[in-house]
Amino acid sequence: MEKTPGVEYATSVIGFSMLSGVTNTYSGFFFVTLKPWHERKKPEEKYEAIMASLNRELRQLPQGIAFAFSPPAIPGIGTAGGVTFILEDRVGKDIKFLWENTQKFLAAAQKRPELSRVTTTFVPTVPQIFVKVDRDKVLKQGVDISEVYRVLQAFMGGYFVNYFNRFGRQWQVYVQAEGEYRAAAEQLGQFYVRNKNGDSVPLSALTSLEQRSGRSSPCATTSTAPSRSNAVTGPGYSSTQE
């Protein structure tokens, strides 16, 4: 990226999707800083040429989906330039149905002269690990099942405790295991819950792990778990045009 003519440097942010606004393990983005305007005199160093060059290179990455996009026209209003589309599944079908119709929508949108590039942050096959709680084992061990889910949330994710005020600001308190102790799902065995007799029972004795695939984190715009697409207006068009 930094070898691209006109680019001065790039700053990376790993583990966060800027377009969808969610934290995850499979997203990242770069802030690309261009050289000063007076230094970019060659045609390949102009803004449009740099964007086109970056997108040509990023499309060749086989391991994922990557593309360059412009910042919002007004800083703080939105996360990217252009327009955003929200496609909802109001029938209530599965992820495959939403993905197929998202692809149809993208194909139709790409044919519109008003749009020069349309992309989506929706991914239907994100690798996931499903933790299945064996309710029969929980009952036999005399453990409160709500405690099992609470411990899972607290140590493998995060559990909110309360607020407190200090230095003129309000702070949140969360309980969470250190990163090195929750880096793998197989580490569940080091966390325990107490049964009705006060004995400690490892979570690994009450749960099993399953490899699954599912959708990427849904955008929180509506309650229908839609897909989000972003588009850049074509030359000679404005987002205010009908």
C-alpha atoms as a PDB file:
ATOM      1  CA  MET A   1       0.000   0.000   0.000  1.00  0.00           C
ATOM      2  CA  GLU A   2       2.763   2.437   0.892  1.00  0.00           C
ATOM      3  CA  LYS A   3       4.420   1.691  -2.476  1.00  0.00           C
ATOM      4  CA  THR A   4       1.446   3.237  -4.277  1.00  0.00           C
ATOM      5  CA  PRO A   5       2.413   6.555  -5.909  1.00  0.00           C
ATOM      6  CA  GLY A   6       1.058   9.482  -3.896  1.00  0.00           C
ATOM      7  CA  VAL A   7       0.670   7.573  -0.607  1.00  0.00           C
ATOM      8  CA  GLU A   8       2.756   8.877   2.287  1.00  0.00           C
ATOM      9  CA  TYR A   9       1.889   6.291   4.949  1.00  0.00           C
ATOM     10  CA  ALA A  10      -0.923   4.064   6.255  1.00  0.00           C
ATOM     11  CA  THR A  11      -2.143   3.380   9.783  1.00  0.00           C
ATOM     12  CA  SER A  12      -3.806   0.040  10.561  1.00  0.00           C
ATOM     13  CA  VAL A  13      -6.640  -0.763  12.978  1.00  0.00           C
ATOM     14  CA  ILE A  14      -7.147  -4.495  13.551  1.00  0.00           C
ATOM     15  CA  GLY A  15     -10.259  -6.142  14.974  1.00  0.00           C
ATOM     16  CA  PHE A  16     -12.832  -3.478  14.109  1.00  0.00           C
ATOM     17  CA  SER A  17     -15.052  -2.921  11.081  1.00  0.00           C
ATOM     18  CA  MET A  18     -15.389   0.785  10.421  1.00  0.00           C
ATOM     19  CA  LEU A  19     -18.277   0.394   7.968  1.00  0.00           C
ATOM     20  CA  SER A  20     -20.435  -1.885  10.125  1.00  0.00           C
ATOM     21  CA  GLY A  21     -19.220  -0.436  13.435  1.00  0.00           C
ATOM     22  CA  VAL A  22     -18.624  -3.774  15.191  1.00  0.00           C
ATOM     23  CA  THR A  23     -15.640  -5.349  16.919  1.00  0.00           C
ATOM     24  CA  ASN A  24     -14.662  -8.770  15.611  1.00  0.00           C
ATOM     25  CA  THR A  25     -11.664 -10.977  14.843  1.00  0.00           C
ATOM     26  CA  TYR A  26     -11.885 -10.946  11.054  1.00  0.00           C
ATOM     27  CA  SER A  27     -11.970  -7.249  10.126  1.00  0.00           C
ATOM     28  CA  GLY A  28      -9.523  -4.402   9.917  1.00  0.00           C
ATOM     29  CA  PHE A  29      -9.006  -1.127   8.086  1.00  0.00           C
ATOM     30  CA  PHE A  30      -6.331   1.399   7.210  1.00  0.00           C
ATOM     31  CA  PHE A  31      -6.203   5.164   7.361  1.00  0.00           C
ATOM     32  CA  VAL A  32      -4.276   6.078   4.208  1.00  0.00           C
ATOM     33  CA  THR A  33      -2.552   9.457   4.305  1.00  0.00           C
ATOM     34  CA  LEU A  34      -1.625  10.999   0.981  1.00  0.00           C
ATOM     35  CA  LYS A  35       1.377  13.166   0.294  1.00  0.00           C
ATOM     36  CA  PRO A  36       0.807  16.945   0.281  1.00  0.00           C
ATOM     37  CA  TRP A  37      -1.174  18.244  -2.673  1.00  0.00           C
ATOM     38  CA  HIS A  38       1.725  20.245  -4.146  1.00  0.00           C
ATOM     39  CA  GLU A  39       3.897  17.118  -4.263  1.00  0.00           C
ATOM     40  CA  ARG A  40       1.351  15.024  -6.179  1.00  0.00           C
ATOM     41  CA  LYS A  41       1.672  16.457  -9.687  1.00  0.00           C
ATOM     42  CA  LYS A  42       1.708  13.261 -11.765  1.00  0.00           C
ATOM     43  CA  PRO A  43      -1.597  11.819 -13.075  1.00  0.00           C
ATOM     44  CA  GLU A  44      -1.109   8.538 -11.158  1.00  0.00           C
ATOM     45  CA  GLU A  45      -0.739  10.538  -7.929  1.00  0.00           C
ATOM     46  CA  LYS A  46      -4.174  12.132  -8.125  1.00  0.00           C
ATOM     47  CA  TYR A  47      -6.871  11.038  -5.684  1.00  0.00           C
ATOM     48  CA  GLU A  48      -9.043   9.140  -8.190  1.00  0.00           C
ATOM     49  CA  ALA A  49      -6.018   7.359  -9.665  1.00  0.00           C
ATOM     50  CA  ILE A  50      -4.778   6.319  -6.232  1.00  0.00           C
ATOM     51  CA  MET A  51      -8.201   4.905  -5.335  1.00  0.00           C
ATOM     52  CA  ALA A  52      -8.365   2.965  -8.589  1.00  0.00           C
ATOM     53  CA  SER A  53      -4.834   1.619  -8.142  1.00  0.00           C
ATOM     54  CA  LEU A  54      -5.493   0.472  -4.580  1.00  0.00           C
ATOM     55  CA  ASN A  55      -8.742  -1.262  -5.528  1.00  0.00           C
ATOM     56  CA  ARG A  56      -7.027  -3.115  -8.388  1.00  0.00           C
ATOM     57  CA  GLU A  57      -4.433  -4.465  -5.969  1.00  0.00           C
ATOM     58  CA  LEU A  58      -6.895  -5.233  -3.175  1.00  0.00           C
ATOM     59  CA  ARG A  59      -9.173  -7.214  -5.498  1.00  0.00           C
ATOM     60  CA  GLN A  60      -6.336  -9.676  -6.032  1.00  0.00           C
ATOM     61  CA  LEU A  61      -6.242 -10.745  -2.378  1.00  0.00           C
ATOM     62  CA  PRO A  62      -7.677 -14.298  -2.268  1.00  0.00           C
ATOM     63  CA  GLN A  63      -7.996 -14.542   1.522  1.00  0.00           C
ATOM     64  CA  GLY A  64     -10.671 -11.912   1.998  1.00  0.00           C
ATOM     65  CA  ILE A  65     -12.637  -8.937   0.684  1.00  0.00           C
ATOM     66  CA  ALA A  66     -10.802  -5.611   0.617  1.00  0.00           C
ATOM     67  CA  PHE A  67     -11.541  -2.279  -1.028  1.00  0.00           C
ATOM     68  CA  ALA A  68     -10.685   1.394  -0.669  1.00  0.00           C
ATOM     69  CA  PHE A  69     -13.358   3.982   0.087  1.00  0.00           C
ATOM     70  CA  SER A  70     -13.407   7.703   0.649  1.00  0.00           C
ATOM     71  CA  PRO A  71     -14.063   9.377   4.013  1.00  0.00           C
ATOM     72  CA  PRO A  72     -17.394  11.148   4.570  1.00  0.00           C
ATOM     73  CA  ALA A  73     -17.772  14.533   2.902  1.00  0.00           C
ATOM     74  CA  ILE A  74     -18.466  16.094   6.314  1.00  0.00           C
ATOM     75  CA  PRO A  75     -16.208  14.735   9.111  1.00  0.00           C
ATOM     76  CA  GLY A  76     -18.281  13.028  11.798  1.00  0.00           C
ATOM     77  CA  ILE A  77     -21.325  12.490   9.550  1.00  0.00           C
ATOM     78  CA  GLY A  78     -21.228   8.805   8.623  1.00  0.00           C
ATOM     79  CA  THR A  79     -18.213   6.554   8.189  1.00  0.00           C
ATOM     80  CA  ALA A  80     -17.675   6.697   4.431  1.00  0.00           C
ATOM     81  CA  GLY A  81     -18.440   8.814   1.408  1.00  0.00           C
ATOM     82  CA  GLY A  82     -21.242   7.936  -0.990  1.00  0.00           C
ATOM     83  CA  VAL A  83     -24.511   6.326   0.055  1.00  0.00           C
ATOM     84  CA  THR A  84     -25.545   3.365   2.209  1.00  0.00           C
ATOM     85  CA  PHE A  85     -28.253   0.809   1.407  1.00  0.00           C
ATOM     86  CA  ILE A  86     -30.000  -1.424   3.954  1.00  0.00           C
ATOM     87  CA  LEU A  87     -31.574  -4.608   2.572  1.00  0.00           C
ATOM     88  CA  GLU A  88     -34.050  -6.250   4.959  1.00  0.00           C
ATOM     89  CA  ASP A  89     -35.436  -9.772   4.988  1.00  0.00           C
ATOM     90  CA  ARG A  90     -38.982  -9.145   6.169  1.00  0.00           C
ATOM     91  CA  VAL A  91     -40.082 -12.691   5.339  1.00  0.00           C
ATOM     92  CA  GLY A  92     -37.927 -14.196   8.081  1.00  0.00           C
ATOM     93  CA  LYS A  93     -36.015 -16.717   5.979  1.00  0.00           C
ATOM     94  CA  ASP A  94     -32.463 -18.002   6.484  1.00  0.00           C
ATOM     95  CA  ILE A  95     -29.077 -16.386   5.886  1.00  0.00           C
ATOM     96  CA  LYS A  96     -28.713 -18.026   2.473  1.00  0.00           C
ATOM     97  CA  PHE A  97     -31.869 -16.264   1.262  1.00  0.00           C
ATOM     98  CA  LEU A  98     -30.574 -12.876   2.441  1.00  0.00           C
ATOM     99  CA  TRP A  99     -27.149 -13.493   0.869  1.00  0.00           C
ATOM    100  CA  GLU A 100     -28.620 -14.510  -2.509  1.00  0.00           C
ATOM    101  CA  ASN A 101     -30.825 -11.433  -2.643  1.00  0.00           C
ATOM    102  CA  THR A 102     -27.944  -9.211  -1.539  1.00  0.00           C
ATOM    103  CA  GLN A 103     -25.936 -10.508  -4.493  1.00  0.00           C
ATOM    104  CA  LYS A 104     -28.875  -9.838  -6.841  1.00  0.00           C
ATOM    105  CA  PHE A 105     -29.154  -6.325  -5.448  1.00  0.00           C
ATOM    106  CA  LEU A 106     -25.423  -5.684  -5.911  1.00  0.00           C
ATOM    107  CA  ALA A 107     -25.515  -7.000  -9.486  1.00  0.00           C
ATOM    108  CA  ALA A 108     -28.448  -4.716 -10.348  1.00  0.00           C
ATOM    109  CA  ALA A 109     -26.890  -1.717  -8.597  1.00  0.00           C
ATOM    110  CA  GLN A 110     -23.604  -2.153 -10.473  1.00  0.00           C
ATOM    111  CA  LYS A 111     -25.490  -1.642 -13.747  1.00  0.00           C
ATOM    112  CA  ARG A 112     -26.748   1.772 -12.685  1.00  0.00           C
ATOM    113  CA  PRO A 113     -24.768   4.668 -14.214  1.00  0.00           C
ATOM    114  CA  GLU A 114     -25.299   6.706 -11.029  1.00  0.00           C
ATOM    115  CA  LEU A 115     -23.137   4.259  -9.054  1.00  0.00           C
ATOM    116  CA  SER A 116     -19.491   3.555  -9.802  1.00  0.00           C
ATOM    117  CA  ARG A 117     -18.782   0.943  -7.106  1.00  0.00           C
ATOM    118  CA  VAL A 118     -21.063  -1.032  -4.783  1.00  0.00           C
ATOM    119  CA  THR A 119     -19.780  -3.236  -1.960  1.00  0.00           C
ATOM    120  CA  THR A 120     -21.249  -4.996   1.048  1.00  0.00           C
ATOM    121  CA  THR A 121     -20.008  -5.756   4.549  1.00  0.00           C
ATOM    122  CA  PHE A 122     -22.332  -8.758   4.802  1.00  0.00           C
ATOM    123  CA  VAL A 123     -20.536 -12.137   5.012  1.00  0.00           C
ATOM    124  CA  PRO A 124     -22.701 -15.291   5.373  1.00  0.00           C
ATOM    125  CA  THR A 125     -19.972 -17.839   6.204  1.00  0.00           C
ATOM    126  CA  VAL A 126     -17.951 -16.511   9.132  1.00  0.00           C
ATOM    127  CA  PRO A 127     -16.311 -19.371  11.111  1.00  0.00           C
ATOM    128  CA  GLN A 128     -17.856 -19.623  14.570  1.00  0.00           C
ATOM    129  CA  ILE A 129     -17.537 -21.795  17.654  1.00  0.00           C
ATOM    130  CA  PHE A 130     -20.810 -22.804  19.306  1.00  0.00           C
ATOM    131  CA  VAL A 131     -20.690 -23.712  22.996  1.00  0.00           C
ATOM    132  CA  LYS A 132     -23.447 -26.206  23.725  1.00  0.00           C
ATOM    133  CA  VAL A 133     -24.510 -26.482  27.355  1.00  0.00           C
ATOM    134  CA  ASP A 134     -25.599 -30.017  28.290  1.00  0.00           C
ATOM    135  CA  ARG A 135     -28.643 -29.371  30.471  1.00  0.00           C
ATOM    136  CA  ASP A 136     -28.802 -32.971  31.680  1.00  0.00           C
ATOM    137  CA  LYS A 137     -25.238 -32.786  32.994  1.00  0.00           C
ATOM    138  CA  VAL A 138     -25.936 -29.421  34.594  1.00  0.00           C
ATOM    139  CA  LEU A 139     -28.957 -30.909  36.389  1.00  0.00           C
ATOM    140  CA  LYS A 140     -27.043 -34.008  37.543  1.00  0.00           C
ATOM    141  CA  GLN A 141     -24.178 -31.892  38.875  1.00  0.00           C
ATOM    142  CA  GLY A 142     -26.596 -29.713  40.848  1.00  0.00           C
ATOM    143  CA  VAL A 143     -25.512 -26.518  39.109  1.00  0.00           C
ATOM    144  CA  ASP A 144     -27.750 -23.533  38.429  1.00  0.00           C
ATOM    145  CA  ILE A 145     -27.828 -23.224  34.634  1.00  0.00           C
ATOM    146  CA  SER A 146     -27.986 -19.424  34.835  1.00  0.00           C
ATOM    147  CA  GLU A 147     -24.604 -19.535  36.618  1.00  0.00           C
ATOM    148  CA  VAL A 148     -23.138 -21.538  33.720  1.00  0.00           C
ATOM    149  CA  TYR A 149     -24.140 -18.878  31.202  1.00  0.00           C
ATOM    150  CA  ARG A 150     -23.044 -16.080  33.517  1.00  0.00           C
ATOM    151  CA  VAL A 151     -19.563 -17.565  33.962  1.00  0.00           C
ATOM    152  CA  LEU A 152     -19.294 -18.160  30.210  1.00  0.00           C
ATOM    153  CA  GLN A 153     -20.176 -14.561  29.522  1.00  0.00           C
ATOM    154  CA  ALA A 154     -17.941 -13.120  32.229  1.00  0.00           C
ATOM    155  CA  PHE A 155     -14.724 -14.986  31.492  1.00  0.00           C
ATOM    156  CA  MET A 156     -14.940 -15.614  27.740  1.00  0.00           C
ATOM    157  CA  GLY A 157     -16.621 -12.320  26.889  1.00  0.00           C
ATOM    158  CA  GLY A 158     -17.311  -9.678  29.515  1.00  0.00           C
ATOM    159  CA  TYR A 159     -19.835  -9.086  32.311  1.00  0.00           C
ATOM    160  CA  PHE A 160     -21.017  -5.617  33.301  1.00  0.00           C
ATOM    161  CA  VAL A 161     -20.883  -4.900  37.049  1.00  0.00           C
ATOM    162  CA  ASN A 162     -21.730  -1.233  37.668  1.00  0.00           C
ATOM    163  CA  TYR A 163     -20.844   2.413  37.101  1.00  0.00           C
ATOM    164  CA  PHE A 164     -18.753   4.715  39.252  1.00  0.00           C
ATOM    165  CA  ASN A 165     -17.850   8.396  39.111  1.00  0.00           C
ATOM    166  CA  ARG A 166     -14.280   9.694  39.300  1.00  0.00           C
ATOM    167  CA  PHE A 167     -12.282  12.590  37.852  1.00  0.00           C
ATOM    168  CA  GLY A 168     -15.542  14.182  36.752  1.00  0.00           C
ATOM    169  CA  ARG A 169     -16.447  11.288  34.474  1.00  0.00           C
ATOM    170  CA  GLN A 170     -18.565   8.148  34.650  1.00  0.00           C
ATOM    171  CA  TRP A 171     -16.755   4.804  34.297  1.00  0.00           C
ATOM    172  CA  GLN A 172     -17.989   1.260  33.682  1.00  0.00           C
ATOM    173  CA  VAL A 173     -16.786  -1.828  35.540  1.00  0.00           C
ATOM    174  CA  TYR A 174     -16.553  -5.140  33.670  1.00  0.00           C
ATOM    175  CA  VAL A 175     -15.367  -8.570  34.776  1.00  0.00           C
ATOM    176  CA  GLN A 176     -13.332 -10.362  32.137  1.00  0.00           C
ATOM    177  CA  ALA A 177     -10.541 -12.929  31.982  1.00  0.00           C
ATOM    178  CA  GLU A 178      -7.112 -11.853  30.742  1.00  0.00           C
ATOM    179  CA  GLY A 179      -6.657 -12.326  27.017  1.00  0.00           C
ATOM    180  CA  GLU A 180      -4.149 -15.168  27.364  1.00  0.00           C
ATOM    181  CA  TYR A 181      -6.715 -17.205  29.344  1.00  0.00           C
ATOM    182  CA  ARG A 182      -9.518 -16.860  26.785  1.00  0.00           C
ATOM    183  CA  ALA A 183      -7.598 -17.044  23.521  1.00  0.00           C
ATOM    184  CA  ALA A 184      -9.006 -20.505  22.699  1.00  0.00           C
ATOM    185  CA  ALA A 185     -12.394 -22.086  23.342  1.00  0.00           C
ATOM    186  CA  GLU A 186     -10.652 -25.180  24.701  1.00  0.00           C
ATOM    187  CA  GLN A 187      -9.628 -23.113  27.734  1.00  0.00           C
ATOM    188  CA  LEU A 188     -13.139 -23.419  29.176  1.00  0.00           C
ATOM    189  CA  GLY A 189     -11.859 -26.153  31.474  1.00  0.00           C
ATOM    190  CA  GLN A 190      -9.965 -23.625  33.609  1.00  0.00           C
ATOM    191  CA  PHE A 191     -13.190 -21.859  34.617  1.00  0.00           C
ATOM    192  CA  TYR A 192     -15.469 -23.305  37.290  1.00  0.00           C
ATOM    193  CA  VAL A 193     -18.998 -22.939  38.644  1.00  0.00           C
ATOM    194  CA  ARG A 194     -20.203 -24.004  42.075  1.00  0.00           C
ATOM    195  CA  ASN A 195     -22.999 -26.533  42.556  1.00  0.00           C
ATOM    196  CA  LYS A 196     -25.563 -26.578  45.347  1.00  0.00           C
ATOM    197  CA  ASN A 197     -23.072 -28.382  47.616  1.00  0.00           C
ATOM    198  CA  GLY A 198     -20.422 -25.712  47.160  1.00  0.00           C
ATOM    199  CA  ASP A 199     -18.166 -27.909  45.010  1.00  0.00           C
ATOM    200  CA  SER A 200     -16.392 -26.505  41.958  1.00  0.00           C
ATOM    201  CA  VAL A 201     -17.355 -27.984  38.584  1.00  0.00           C
ATOM    202  CA  PRO A 202     -15.296 -27.173  35.453  1.00  0.00           C
ATOM    203  CA  LEU A 203     -17.217 -25.718  32.528  1.00  0.00           C
ATOM    204  CA  SER A 204     -15.644 -28.306  30.221  1.00  0.00           C
ATOM    205  CA  ALA A 205     -17.603 -31.016  32.096  1.00  0.00           C
ATOM    206  CA  LEU A 206     -20.904 -29.266  31.295  1.00  0.00           C
ATOM    207  CA  THR A 207     -20.323 -28.045  27.745  1.00  0.00           C
ATOM    208  CA  SER A 208     -19.215 -29.220  24.311  1.00  0.00           C
ATOM    209  CA  LEU A 209     -17.802 -27.274  21.365  1.00  0.00           C
ATOM    210  CA  GLU A 210     -19.089 -27.287  17.781  1.00  0.00           C
ATOM    211  CA  GLN A 211     -17.512 -25.694  14.697  1.00  0.00           C
ATOM    212  CA  ARG A 212     -20.127 -23.734  12.770  1.00  0.00           C
ATOM    213  CA  SER A 213     -20.409 -20.962  10.239  1.00  0.00           C
ATOM    214  CA  GLY A 214     -22.807 -18.059  10.346  1.00  0.00           C
ATOM    215  CA  ARG A 215     -23.376 -14.472   9.298  1.00  0.00           C
ATOM    216  CA  SER A 216     -21.182 -11.552  10.120  1.00  0.00           C
ATOM    217  CA  SER A 217     -22.282  -9.194  12.866  1.00  0.00           C
ATOM    218  CA  PRO A 218     -25.610  -7.634  11.831  1.00  0.00           C
ATOM    219  CA  CYS A 219     -25.969  -3.881  11.688  1.00  0.00           C
ATOM    220  CA  ALA A 220     -28.169  -2.450  14.418  1.00  0.00           C
ATOM    221  CA  THR A 221     -30.222  -0.188  12.162  1.00  0.00           C
ATOM    222  CA  THR A 222     -33.349  -2.355  12.389  1.00  0.00           C
ATOM    223  CA  SER A 223     -34.566  -5.446  14.209  1.00  0.00           C
ATOM    224  CA  THR A 224     -34.623  -7.604  11.064  1.00  0.00           C
ATOM    225  CA  ALA A 225     -30.843  -8.315  10.897  1.00  0.00           C
ATOM    226  CA  PRO A 226     -30.409  -6.804   7.403  1.00  0.00           C
ATOM    227  CA  SER A 227     -27.381  -6.576   5.142  1.00  0.00           C
ATOM    228  CA  ARG A 228     -25.607  -3.287   4.585  1.00  0.00           C
ATOM    229  CA  SER A 229     -24.154  -2.131   1.268  1.00  0.00           C
ATOM    230  CA  ASN A 230     -22.147   0.969   0.445  1.00  0.00           C
ATOM    231  CA  ALA A 231     -21.984   2.716  -2.909  1.00  0.00           C
ATOM    232  CA  VAL A 232     -19.899   5.479  -4.455  1.00  0.00           C
ATOM    233  CA  THR A 233     -21.688   7.834  -6.823  1.00  0.00           C
ATOM    234  CA  GLY A 234     -20.591   7.813 -10.435  1.00  0.00           C
ATOM    235  CA  PRO A 235     -19.002  10.731 -12.289  1.00  0.00           C
ATOM    236  CA  GLY A 236     -21.460  13.576 -12.825  1.00  0.00           C
ATOM    237  CA  TYR A 237     -23.940  12.385 -10.193  1.00  0.00           C
ATOM    238  CA  SER A 238     -24.758  13.480  -6.646  1.00  0.00           C
ATOM    239  CA  SER A 239     -26.245  11.598  -3.711  1.00  0.00           C
ATOM    240  CA  THR A 240     -28.983  14.231  -3.520  1.00  0.00           C
ATOM    241  CA  GLN A 241     -30.347  13.358  -6.956  1.00  0.00           C
ATOM    242  CA  GLU A 242     -33.503  11.290  -7.150  1.00  0.00           C
END
